[in-house]
Amino acid sequence: MIDIILVTDKEIKRLNREWFGEKRATDVIAFDHGEIYISIDTAGRQAKERGVNFTQEVLRLAVHGTVHIAGFNDTNLKDFCRMREREWKLLIGCMSSWA
């Protein structure tokens, strides 16, 4: 089971500091036990930057977190590309099921 929790930048910054020692907000944090935290503030900004609506960006971030939980990483270019490929396959599957 995966839980998706929508939070503010303030809350995701706190989680990022507590769990990863980072002193900044981020868009998504995924924990191996199945919790995905998504910053609605960052998702809103990123949606505008990407030219998509808020729901589409939150879906993209949920898929990104899910792929992390499945064991993918984006720490180097090779892994980043592999992870993005998997994300696109899942997103295309989501979108085609809505059509």
Protein backbone atom coordinates (compact mmCIF):
# COMPACT_ATOMS: atom_id res chain seq x y z
CA MET A 1 0.00 0.00 0.00
CA ILE A 2 1.20 3.50 -0.82
CA ASP A 3 0.03 6.62 1.00
CA ILE A 4 0.33 9.98 -0.71
CA ILE A 5 0.43 12.89 1.71
CA LEU A 6 0.15 16.46 0.42
CA VAL A 7 2.06 18.98 2.54
CA THR A 8 3.33 22.56 2.42
CA ASP A 9 6.91 23.61 1.64
CA LYS A 10 7.38 24.26 5.36
CA GLU A 11 6.46 20.67 6.26
CA ILE A 12 8.48 19.02 3.48
CA LYS A 13 11.48 21.17 4.43
CA ARG A 14 11.15 19.89 8.01
CA LEU A 15 10.98 16.27 6.79
CA ASN A 16 13.92 16.80 4.45
CA ARG A 17 16.00 18.22 7.31
CA GLU A 18 14.93 15.52 9.78
CA TRP A 19 15.49 12.51 7.52
CA PHE A 20 18.14 13.61 5.03
CA GLY A 21 19.95 16.52 6.68
CA GLU A 22 18.93 18.88 3.86
CA LYS A 23 17.89 22.41 4.84
CA ARG A 24 15.63 23.08 1.88
CA ALA A 25 12.21 22.26 0.56
CA THR A 26 11.90 19.65 -2.17
CA ASP A 27 9.06 18.51 -4.39
CA VAL A 28 8.68 14.91 -3.22
CA ILE A 29 10.03 12.61 -0.52
CA ALA A 30 9.37 8.87 -0.72
CA PHE A 31 9.94 6.43 2.12
CA ASP A 32 10.51 2.72 1.52
CA HIS A 33 7.57 1.79 3.76
CA GLY A 34 5.19 3.40 1.24
CA GLU A 35 4.69 7.02 2.24
CA ILE A 36 5.08 9.67 -0.44
CA TYR A 37 5.08 13.31 0.67
CA ILE A 38 4.42 15.89 -2.04
CA SER A 39 4.80 19.63 -1.52
CA ILE A 40 1.74 21.34 -2.96
CA ASP A 41 3.62 24.66 -2.99
CA THR A 42 6.49 23.28 -5.06
CA ALA A 43 4.11 21.26 -7.25
CA GLY A 44 2.21 24.46 -8.05
CA ARG A 45 5.38 26.31 -9.05
CA GLN A 46 6.67 23.38 -11.09
CA ALA A 47 3.34 22.99 -12.88
CA LYS A 48 3.61 26.58 -14.11
CA GLU A 49 7.25 26.08 -15.15
CA ARG A 50 6.41 22.88 -17.06
CA GLY A 51 3.23 24.26 -18.63
CA VAL A 52 0.99 21.59 -17.10
CA ASN A 53 -1.87 21.82 -14.64
CA PHE A 54 -1.52 21.20 -10.92
CA THR A 55 -3.13 17.75 -11.04
CA GLN A 56 -0.78 16.58 -13.78
CA GLU A 57 2.25 17.73 -11.79
CA VAL A 58 1.04 16.03 -8.60
CA LEU A 59 0.49 12.82 -10.60
CA ARG A 60 4.01 13.08 -12.02
CA LEU A 61 5.44 13.53 -8.53
CA ALA A 62 3.39 10.61 -7.18
CA VAL A 63 4.75 8.40 -9.96
CA HIS A 64 8.28 9.67 -9.26
CA GLY A 65 7.92 8.75 -5.59
CA THR A 66 6.45 5.35 -6.46
CA VAL A 67 9.37 4.59 -8.76
CA HIS A 68 11.77 5.50 -5.93
CA ILE A 69 9.93 3.08 -3.63
CA ALA A 70 10.26 0.41 -6.33
CA GLY A 71 14.04 0.74 -6.00
CA PHE A 72 14.98 3.23 -8.71
CA ASN A 73 17.39 6.10 -8.03
CA ASP A 74 18.34 9.29 -9.82
CA THR A 75 21.75 9.95 -8.27
CA ASN A 76 23.74 9.70 -11.50
CA LEU A 77 22.93 10.28 -15.17
CA LYS A 78 22.53 6.60 -16.09
CA ASP A 79 20.15 5.92 -13.19
CA PHE A 80 18.34 9.22 -13.80
CA CYS A 81 17.63 8.24 -17.43
CA ARG A 82 16.54 4.73 -16.43
CA MET A 83 14.24 6.15 -13.78
CA ARG A 84 12.73 8.76 -16.12
CA GLU A 85 12.03 6.05 -18.71
CA ARG A 86 10.14 4.03 -16.11
CA GLU A 87 8.21 7.10 -14.98
CA TRP A 88 7.13 7.92 -18.54
CA LYS A 89 5.91 4.37 -19.10
CA LEU A 90 3.79 4.58 -15.96
CA LEU A 91 2.49 8.07 -16.79
CA ILE A 92 1.57 7.04 -20.33
CA GLY A 93 -0.28 4.04 -18.86
CA CYS A 94 -2.18 6.34 -16.49
CA MET A 95 -3.10 8.78 -19.22
CA SER A 96 -4.16 6.12 -21.72
CA SER A 97 -6.48 4.52 -19.17
CA TRP A 98 -8.26 7.89 -18.81
CA ALA A 99 -8.76 8.38 -22.55
